[in-house]
Amino acid sequence: MDQVQRKPKGVGARGRKRAPIAGRKARAFLRNADPVLARLIDARPDFRPRAWMDELPPLDAFGTLIFQVAGQQLSVSATRAIVSRIEQHFGGHLPSPAELLAADPHVLRASGMSTRKGETLRALAERFVDGRLSDEALSRMTDAEIEAVLTEVPGIGPWTARGFLLVGLDRPDVFLSGDLALRRAVRRAYGLDHTPTDEELAELSDHWRPYRSLAVSYLFASEYDV
């Protein structure tokens, strides 16, 4: 048998424990709050909202931001390809902030990142190196504080900052307003005859608090048939 087949049940391809099934309390809340979500939840009794991360390398805060910046306006598969090429350039791992600053900027461009995204990552790396950002400090901040400090960096907007809250910190009540894929998912799941506006999405998502992150995960799963 190959290496993947011999892995113990519950262990992902990178040797980590598989992402857990969605929490019972959050599922029950969303089922009661929204009949459309109730249908999506019932269709996926073993849903693991973070399963897509099982194939990614372990990510610290800076690594998560590399993933988020690389993924701006790209699919998850395209983002994974770029991240994999970055790993290859740095000896099989994602660079630390100091390693990225010491590297030729062409390394990121050769991995498939635009010049603008490379500049954004270098600006982030500088903040980690000089102590303005750190894993510990970010973990202690509120969602609003993190969004504020990250969007100070040129090239990082609310979508990227909120993606960091979801991917890096697994915060439970994050809503990706402005995400085009989410808009498509909502339109399809709710049978709308138009793409929902920001105001309509905000009103809808209010029913999901304080578990908006899980609601978004179910909607993405419904759109991409996960």
C-alpha atoms as a PDB file:
ATOM      1  CA  MET A   1       0.000   0.000   0.000  1.00  0.00           C
ATOM      2  CA  ASP A   2       1.146   3.535  -0.610  1.00  0.00           C
ATOM      3  CA  GLN A   3       1.930   6.020   2.132  1.00  0.00           C
ATOM      4  CA  VAL A   4      -1.458   7.737   2.088  1.00  0.00           C
ATOM      5  CA  GLN A   5      -3.332   4.435   2.361  1.00  0.00           C
ATOM      6  CA  ARG A   6      -1.274   3.439   5.410  1.00  0.00           C
ATOM      7  CA  LYS A   7      -2.071   6.592   7.363  1.00  0.00           C
ATOM      8  CA  PRO A   8      -4.164   6.004  10.488  1.00  0.00           C
ATOM      9  CA  LYS A   9      -7.779   7.045  10.236  1.00  0.00           C
ATOM     10  CA  GLY A  10      -8.184  10.674  11.236  1.00  0.00           C
ATOM     11  CA  VAL A  11      -4.743  11.741  10.050  1.00  0.00           C
ATOM     12  CA  GLY A  12      -4.352  14.050   7.046  1.00  0.00           C
ATOM     13  CA  ALA A  13      -1.832  13.858   4.234  1.00  0.00           C
ATOM     14  CA  ARG A  14       0.636  16.044   6.132  1.00  0.00           C
ATOM     15  CA  GLY A  15       0.548  13.751   9.173  1.00  0.00           C
ATOM     16  CA  ARG A  16      -1.739  15.990  11.193  1.00  0.00           C
ATOM     17  CA  LYS A  17      -4.993  15.100  12.867  1.00  0.00           C
ATOM     18  CA  ARG A  18      -7.896  15.639  10.492  1.00  0.00           C
ATOM     19  CA  ALA A  19     -10.107  18.674  10.925  1.00  0.00           C
ATOM     20  CA  PRO A  20     -12.999  17.964  13.322  1.00  0.00           C
ATOM     21  CA  ILE A  21     -16.671  17.648  12.483  1.00  0.00           C
ATOM     22  CA  ALA A  22     -18.703  20.820  12.948  1.00  0.00           C
ATOM     23  CA  GLY A  23     -19.670  21.409  16.580  1.00  0.00           C
ATOM     24  CA  ARG A  24     -23.049  20.133  17.717  1.00  0.00           C
ATOM     25  CA  LYS A  25     -24.033  23.348  19.513  1.00  0.00           C
ATOM     26  CA  ALA A  26     -23.283  25.546  16.512  1.00  0.00           C
ATOM     27  CA  ARG A  27     -25.088  23.204  14.132  1.00  0.00           C
ATOM     28  CA  ALA A  28     -28.170  23.143  16.352  1.00  0.00           C
ATOM     29  CA  PHE A  29     -28.210  26.933  16.589  1.00  0.00           C
ATOM     30  CA  LEU A  30     -27.965  27.409  12.816  1.00  0.00           C
ATOM     31  CA  ARG A  31     -30.593  24.747  12.124  1.00  0.00           C
ATOM     32  CA  ASN A  32     -33.058  26.593  14.355  1.00  0.00           C
ATOM     33  CA  ALA A  33     -32.098  30.017  13.046  1.00  0.00           C
ATOM     34  CA  ASP A  34     -32.387  29.398   9.304  1.00  0.00           C
ATOM     35  CA  PRO A  35     -34.416  26.725   7.474  1.00  0.00           C
ATOM     36  CA  VAL A  36     -32.165  26.909   4.416  1.00  0.00           C
ATOM     37  CA  LEU A  37     -29.098  26.232   6.519  1.00  0.00           C
ATOM     38  CA  ALA A  38     -31.012  23.453   8.272  1.00  0.00           C
ATOM     39  CA  ARG A  39     -31.361  21.711   4.903  1.00  0.00           C
ATOM     40  CA  LEU A  40     -27.663  22.141   4.128  1.00  0.00           C
ATOM     41  CA  ILE A  41     -26.678  20.880   7.584  1.00  0.00           C
ATOM     42  CA  ASP A  42     -28.925  17.821   7.379  1.00  0.00           C
ATOM     43  CA  ALA A  43     -27.436  16.950   3.987  1.00  0.00           C
ATOM     44  CA  ARG A  44     -23.921  16.825   5.501  1.00  0.00           C
ATOM     45  CA  PRO A  45     -24.085  15.079   8.905  1.00  0.00           C
ATOM     46  CA  ASP A  46     -20.309  14.503   8.985  1.00  0.00           C
ATOM     47  CA  PHE A  47     -19.287  17.894   7.636  1.00  0.00           C
ATOM     48  CA  ARG A  48     -15.800  19.089   8.571  1.00  0.00           C
ATOM     49  CA  PRO A  49     -15.661  22.843   7.834  1.00  0.00           C
ATOM     50  CA  ARG A  50     -11.865  22.989   7.874  1.00  0.00           C
ATOM     51  CA  ALA A  51     -11.253  19.763   5.940  1.00  0.00           C
ATOM     52  CA  TRP A  52      -9.892  21.680   2.951  1.00  0.00           C
ATOM     53  CA  MET A  53      -6.923  22.688   5.133  1.00  0.00           C
ATOM     54  CA  ASP A  54      -5.852  19.080   5.716  1.00  0.00           C
ATOM     55  CA  GLU A  55      -3.581  19.168   2.655  1.00  0.00           C
ATOM     56  CA  LEU A  56      -1.941  22.467   3.570  1.00  0.00           C
ATOM     57  CA  PRO A  57       1.305  22.744   5.516  1.00  0.00           C
ATOM     58  CA  PRO A  58       1.024  23.729   9.188  1.00  0.00           C
ATOM     59  CA  LEU A  59       0.542  27.483   9.172  1.00  0.00           C
ATOM     60  CA  ASP A  60       1.633  30.052  11.732  1.00  0.00           C
ATOM     61  CA  ALA A  61       0.284  33.599  11.511  1.00  0.00           C
ATOM     62  CA  PHE A  62       2.752  34.713   8.837  1.00  0.00           C
ATOM     63  CA  GLY A  63       2.270  31.518   6.844  1.00  0.00           C
ATOM     64  CA  THR A  64      -1.487  32.014   6.960  1.00  0.00           C
ATOM     65  CA  LEU A  65      -1.055  35.532   5.636  1.00  0.00           C
ATOM     66  CA  ILE A  66       1.125  34.227   2.812  1.00  0.00           C
ATOM     67  CA  PHE A  67      -1.738  31.882   1.920  1.00  0.00           C
ATOM     68  CA  GLN A  68      -4.351  34.643   2.181  1.00  0.00           C
ATOM     69  CA  VAL A  69      -2.408  37.182   0.120  1.00  0.00           C
ATOM     70  CA  ALA A  70      -1.535  34.576  -2.503  1.00  0.00           C
ATOM     71  CA  GLY A  71      -5.216  33.661  -2.722  1.00  0.00           C
ATOM     72  CA  GLN A  72      -6.569  37.124  -3.396  1.00  0.00           C
ATOM     73  CA  GLN A  73      -8.920  36.797  -6.407  1.00  0.00           C
ATOM     74  CA  LEU A  74      -7.762  33.206  -7.019  1.00  0.00           C
ATOM     75  CA  SER A  75      -9.276  29.762  -6.501  1.00  0.00           C
ATOM     76  CA  VAL A  76      -8.119  27.535  -3.649  1.00  0.00           C
ATOM     77  CA  SER A  77      -6.428  25.167  -6.118  1.00  0.00           C
ATOM     78  CA  ALA A  78      -4.480  27.989  -7.777  1.00  0.00           C
ATOM     79  CA  THR A  79      -3.505  29.325  -4.359  1.00  0.00           C
ATOM     80  CA  ARG A  80      -2.264  25.903  -3.255  1.00  0.00           C
ATOM     81  CA  ALA A  81      -0.105  25.689  -6.387  1.00  0.00           C
ATOM     82  CA  ILE A  82       1.521  29.059  -5.652  1.00  0.00           C
ATOM     83  CA  VAL A  83       2.093  28.177  -1.997  1.00  0.00           C
ATOM     84  CA  SER A  84       3.656  24.868  -3.034  1.00  0.00           C
ATOM     85  CA  ARG A  85       6.068  26.652  -5.375  1.00  0.00           C
ATOM     86  CA  ILE A  86       6.999  29.097  -2.617  1.00  0.00           C
ATOM     87  CA  GLU A  87       7.753  26.144  -0.341  1.00  0.00           C
ATOM     88  CA  GLN A  88       9.996  24.641  -3.007  1.00  0.00           C
ATOM     89  CA  HIS A  89      11.967  27.880  -3.311  1.00  0.00           C
ATOM     90  CA  PHE A  90      12.543  27.884   0.468  1.00  0.00           C
ATOM     91  CA  GLY A  91      13.704  24.312   0.892  1.00  0.00           C
ATOM     92  CA  GLY A  92      10.332  22.667   1.448  1.00  0.00           C
ATOM     93  CA  HIS A  93       8.784  25.095   3.936  1.00  0.00           C
ATOM     94  CA  LEU A  94       7.100  28.474   3.908  1.00  0.00           C
ATOM     95  CA  PRO A  95       9.545  31.274   4.705  1.00  0.00           C
ATOM     96  CA  SER A  96       9.737  33.009   8.043  1.00  0.00           C
ATOM     97  CA  PRO A  97       9.401  36.796   7.892  1.00  0.00           C
ATOM     98  CA  ALA A  98      13.198  37.175   8.095  1.00  0.00           C
ATOM     99  CA  GLU A  99      13.753  34.589   5.352  1.00  0.00           C
ATOM    100  CA  LEU A 100      11.305  36.315   3.051  1.00  0.00           C
ATOM    101  CA  LEU A 101      12.954  39.715   3.557  1.00  0.00           C
ATOM    102  CA  ALA A 102      16.380  38.211   2.862  1.00  0.00           C
ATOM    103  CA  ALA A 103      15.235  36.575  -0.374  1.00  0.00           C
ATOM    104  CA  ASP A 104      15.290  38.104  -3.839  1.00  0.00           C
ATOM    105  CA  PRO A 105      11.785  39.438  -4.610  1.00  0.00           C
ATOM    106  CA  HIS A 106      11.986  37.499  -7.874  1.00  0.00           C
ATOM    107  CA  VAL A 107      11.475  34.299  -5.866  1.00  0.00           C
ATOM    108  CA  LEU A 108       7.866  35.261  -5.169  1.00  0.00           C
ATOM    109  CA  ARG A 109       7.267  36.357  -8.744  1.00  0.00           C
ATOM    110  CA  ALA A 110       8.678  33.051  -9.987  1.00  0.00           C
ATOM    111  CA  SER A 111       6.163  31.296  -7.725  1.00  0.00           C
ATOM    112  CA  GLY A 112       3.272  33.008  -9.480  1.00  0.00           C
ATOM    113  CA  MET A 113       2.684  36.030  -7.255  1.00  0.00           C
ATOM    114  CA  SER A 114       2.293  39.500  -8.678  1.00  0.00           C
ATOM    115  CA  THR A 115       4.710  42.277  -7.809  1.00  0.00           C
ATOM    116  CA  ARG A 116       1.981  43.959  -5.750  1.00  0.00           C
ATOM    117  CA  LYS A 117       1.319  40.834  -3.694  1.00  0.00           C
ATOM    118  CA  GLY A 118       5.052  40.402  -3.148  1.00  0.00           C
ATOM    119  CA  GLU A 119       5.281  43.955  -1.831  1.00  0.00           C
ATOM    120  CA  THR A 120       2.364  43.265   0.510  1.00  0.00           C
ATOM    121  CA  LEU A 121       4.115  40.195   1.919  1.00  0.00           C
ATOM    122  CA  ARG A 122       7.342  42.108   2.418  1.00  0.00           C
ATOM    123  CA  ALA A 123       5.444  44.852   4.272  1.00  0.00           C
ATOM    124  CA  LEU A 124       3.891  42.176   6.493  1.00  0.00           C
ATOM    125  CA  ALA A 125       7.267  40.514   7.052  1.00  0.00           C
ATOM    126  CA  GLU A 126       8.751  43.826   8.187  1.00  0.00           C
ATOM    127  CA  ARG A 127       6.012  44.148  10.796  1.00  0.00           C
ATOM    128  CA  PHE A 128       6.685  40.655  12.124  1.00  0.00           C
ATOM    129  CA  VAL A 129      10.435  41.237  12.232  1.00  0.00           C
ATOM    130  CA  ASP A 130      10.189  44.559  14.086  1.00  0.00           C
ATOM    131  CA  GLY A 131       7.565  43.251  16.510  1.00  0.00           C
ATOM    132  CA  ARG A 132       4.539  45.220  15.405  1.00  0.00           C
ATOM    133  CA  LEU A 133       2.892  41.880  14.583  1.00  0.00           C
ATOM    134  CA  SER A 134       3.355  38.449  16.179  1.00  0.00           C
ATOM    135  CA  ASP A 135       1.448  35.206  16.620  1.00  0.00           C
ATOM    136  CA  GLU A 136       0.967  35.948  20.309  1.00  0.00           C
ATOM    137  CA  ALA A 137      -0.233  39.527  19.840  1.00  0.00           C
ATOM    138  CA  LEU A 138      -2.674  38.591  17.076  1.00  0.00           C
ATOM    139  CA  SER A 139      -4.125  35.717  19.097  1.00  0.00           C
ATOM    140  CA  ARG A 140      -4.955  38.142  21.928  1.00  0.00           C
ATOM    141  CA  MET A 141      -6.667  40.731  19.717  1.00  0.00           C
ATOM    142  CA  THR A 142     -10.364  40.951  19.039  1.00  0.00           C
ATOM    143  CA  ASP A 143     -11.621  40.365  15.512  1.00  0.00           C
ATOM    144  CA  ALA A 144     -12.063  44.104  15.006  1.00  0.00           C
ATOM    145  CA  GLU A 145      -8.557  44.871  16.263  1.00  0.00           C
ATOM    146  CA  ILE A 146      -7.021  42.313  13.930  1.00  0.00           C
ATOM    147  CA  GLU A 147      -8.921  43.653  10.955  1.00  0.00           C
ATOM    148  CA  ALA A 148      -7.788  47.178  11.808  1.00  0.00           C
ATOM    149  CA  VAL A 149      -4.102  46.314  12.207  1.00  0.00           C
ATOM    150  CA  LEU A 150      -3.939  44.153   9.088  1.00  0.00           C
ATOM    151  CA  THR A 151      -5.753  46.555   6.797  1.00  0.00           C
ATOM    152  CA  GLU A 152      -3.117  49.165   7.628  1.00  0.00           C
ATOM    153  CA  VAL A 153      -0.824  47.153   5.358  1.00  0.00           C
ATOM    154  CA  PRO A 154      -1.046  48.194   1.678  1.00  0.00           C
ATOM    155  CA  GLY A 155      -2.659  45.424  -0.315  1.00  0.00           C
ATOM    156  CA  ILE A 156      -4.693  43.965   2.548  1.00  0.00           C
ATOM    157  CA  GLY A 157      -8.403  44.692   2.653  1.00  0.00           C
ATOM    158  CA  PRO A 158     -11.263  43.360   4.749  1.00  0.00           C
ATOM    159  CA  TRP A 159     -11.552  40.123   2.707  1.00  0.00           C
ATOM    160  CA  THR A 160      -7.945  39.149   3.397  1.00  0.00           C
ATOM    161  CA  ALA A 161      -8.111  40.180   7.058  1.00  0.00           C
ATOM    162  CA  ARG A 162     -11.308  38.218   7.647  1.00  0.00           C
ATOM    163  CA  GLY A 163      -9.863  35.261   5.802  1.00  0.00           C
ATOM    164  CA  PHE A 164      -6.986  35.345   8.273  1.00  0.00           C
ATOM    165  CA  LEU A 165      -9.474  35.290  11.148  1.00  0.00           C
ATOM    166  CA  LEU A 166     -11.094  32.201   9.647  1.00  0.00           C
ATOM    167  CA  VAL A 167      -8.032  30.277   8.511  1.00  0.00           C
ATOM    168  CA  GLY A 168      -5.411  31.360  11.009  1.00  0.00           C
ATOM    169  CA  LEU A 169      -7.395  31.747  14.207  1.00  0.00           C
ATOM    170  CA  ASP A 170     -10.560  29.724  13.539  1.00  0.00           C
ATOM    171  CA  ARG A 171     -12.695  32.561  14.896  1.00  0.00           C
ATOM    172  CA  PRO A 172     -16.358  31.463  15.026  1.00  0.00           C
ATOM    173  CA  ASP A 173     -18.214  34.593  13.912  1.00  0.00           C
ATOM    174  CA  VAL A 174     -16.545  35.843  10.731  1.00  0.00           C
ATOM    175  CA  PHE A 175     -18.499  36.853   7.637  1.00  0.00           C
ATOM    176  CA  LEU A 176     -16.774  37.283   4.265  1.00  0.00           C
ATOM    177  CA  SER A 177     -18.808  40.190   2.973  1.00  0.00           C
ATOM    178  CA  GLY A 178     -17.929  40.992  -0.613  1.00  0.00           C
ATOM    179  CA  ASP A 179     -16.859  37.438  -1.461  1.00  0.00           C
ATOM    180  CA  LEU A 180     -18.194  36.667  -4.944  1.00  0.00           C
ATOM    181  CA  ALA A 181     -18.281  32.908  -4.421  1.00  0.00           C
ATOM    182  CA  LEU A 182     -20.319  33.385  -1.250  1.00  0.00           C
ATOM    183  CA  ARG A 183     -22.762  35.612  -3.096  1.00  0.00           C
ATOM    184  CA  ARG A 184     -23.238  32.894  -5.715  1.00  0.00           C
ATOM    185  CA  ALA A 185     -23.720  30.293  -3.000  1.00  0.00           C
ATOM    186  CA  VAL A 186     -26.366  32.384  -1.240  1.00  0.00           C
ATOM    187  CA  ARG A 187     -28.189  33.069  -4.494  1.00  0.00           C
ATOM    188  CA  ARG A 188     -28.346  29.371  -5.327  1.00  0.00           C
ATOM    189  CA  ALA A 189     -29.141  28.067  -1.825  1.00  0.00           C
ATOM    190  CA  TYR A 190     -31.900  30.619  -1.190  1.00  0.00           C
ATOM    191  CA  GLY A 191     -33.347  30.485  -4.707  1.00  0.00           C
ATOM    192  CA  LEU A 192     -32.880  34.197  -5.365  1.00  0.00           C
ATOM    193  CA  ASP A 193     -33.421  35.680  -8.800  1.00  0.00           C
ATOM    194  CA  HIS A 194     -30.534  38.105  -8.305  1.00  0.00           C
ATOM    195  CA  THR A 195     -27.121  38.281  -6.711  1.00  0.00           C
ATOM    196  CA  PRO A 196     -27.653  39.477  -3.124  1.00  0.00           C
ATOM    197  CA  THR A 197     -26.545  42.977  -2.222  1.00  0.00           C
ATOM    198  CA  ASP A 198     -24.298  43.851   0.706  1.00  0.00           C
ATOM    199  CA  GLU A 199     -27.356  44.945   2.658  1.00  0.00           C
ATOM    200  CA  GLU A 200     -29.221  41.707   1.959  1.00  0.00           C
ATOM    201  CA  LEU A 201     -26.219  39.612   2.955  1.00  0.00           C
ATOM    202  CA  ALA A 202     -25.754  41.581   6.157  1.00  0.00           C
ATOM    203  CA  GLU A 203     -29.420  41.151   7.099  1.00  0.00           C
ATOM    204  CA  LEU A 204     -29.302  37.430   6.350  1.00  0.00           C
ATOM    205  CA  SER A 205     -26.048  36.844   8.217  1.00  0.00           C
ATOM    206  CA  ASP A 206     -27.368  38.552  11.337  1.00  0.00           C
ATOM    207  CA  HIS A 207     -29.522  35.457  11.889  1.00  0.00           C
ATOM    208  CA  TRP A 208     -26.366  33.319  12.043  1.00  0.00           C
ATOM    209  CA  ARG A 209     -24.563  35.188  14.826  1.00  0.00           C
ATOM    210  CA  PRO A 210     -22.488  34.065  16.709  1.00  0.00           C
ATOM    211  CA  TYR A 211     -21.708  31.224  14.258  1.00  0.00           C
ATOM    212  CA  ARG A 212     -21.376  33.042  10.942  1.00  0.00           C
ATOM    213  CA  SER A 213     -18.109  31.243  10.137  1.00  0.00           C
ATOM    214  CA  LEU A 214     -19.806  27.850  10.154  1.00  0.00           C
ATOM    215  CA  ALA A 215     -22.758  29.141   8.153  1.00  0.00           C
ATOM    216  CA  VAL A 216     -20.379  30.411   5.487  1.00  0.00           C
ATOM    217  CA  SER A 217     -18.614  27.040   5.427  1.00  0.00           C
ATOM    218  CA  TYR A 218     -21.885  25.199   4.783  1.00  0.00           C
ATOM    219  CA  LEU A 219     -22.770  27.611   1.996  1.00  0.00           C
ATOM    220  CA  PHE A 220     -19.396  27.143   0.318  1.00  0.00           C
ATOM    221  CA  ALA A 221     -19.815  23.374   0.660  1.00  0.00           C
ATOM    222  CA  SER A 222     -23.209  23.565  -1.018  1.00  0.00           C
ATOM    223  CA  GLU A 223     -21.831  25.600  -3.894  1.00  0.00           C
ATOM    224  CA  TYR A 224     -18.842  23.362  -4.526  1.00  0.00           C
ATOM    225  CA  ASP A 225     -20.575  20.080  -3.660  1.00  0.00           C
ATOM    226  CA  VAL A 226     -18.162  19.251  -0.836  1.00  0.00           C
END
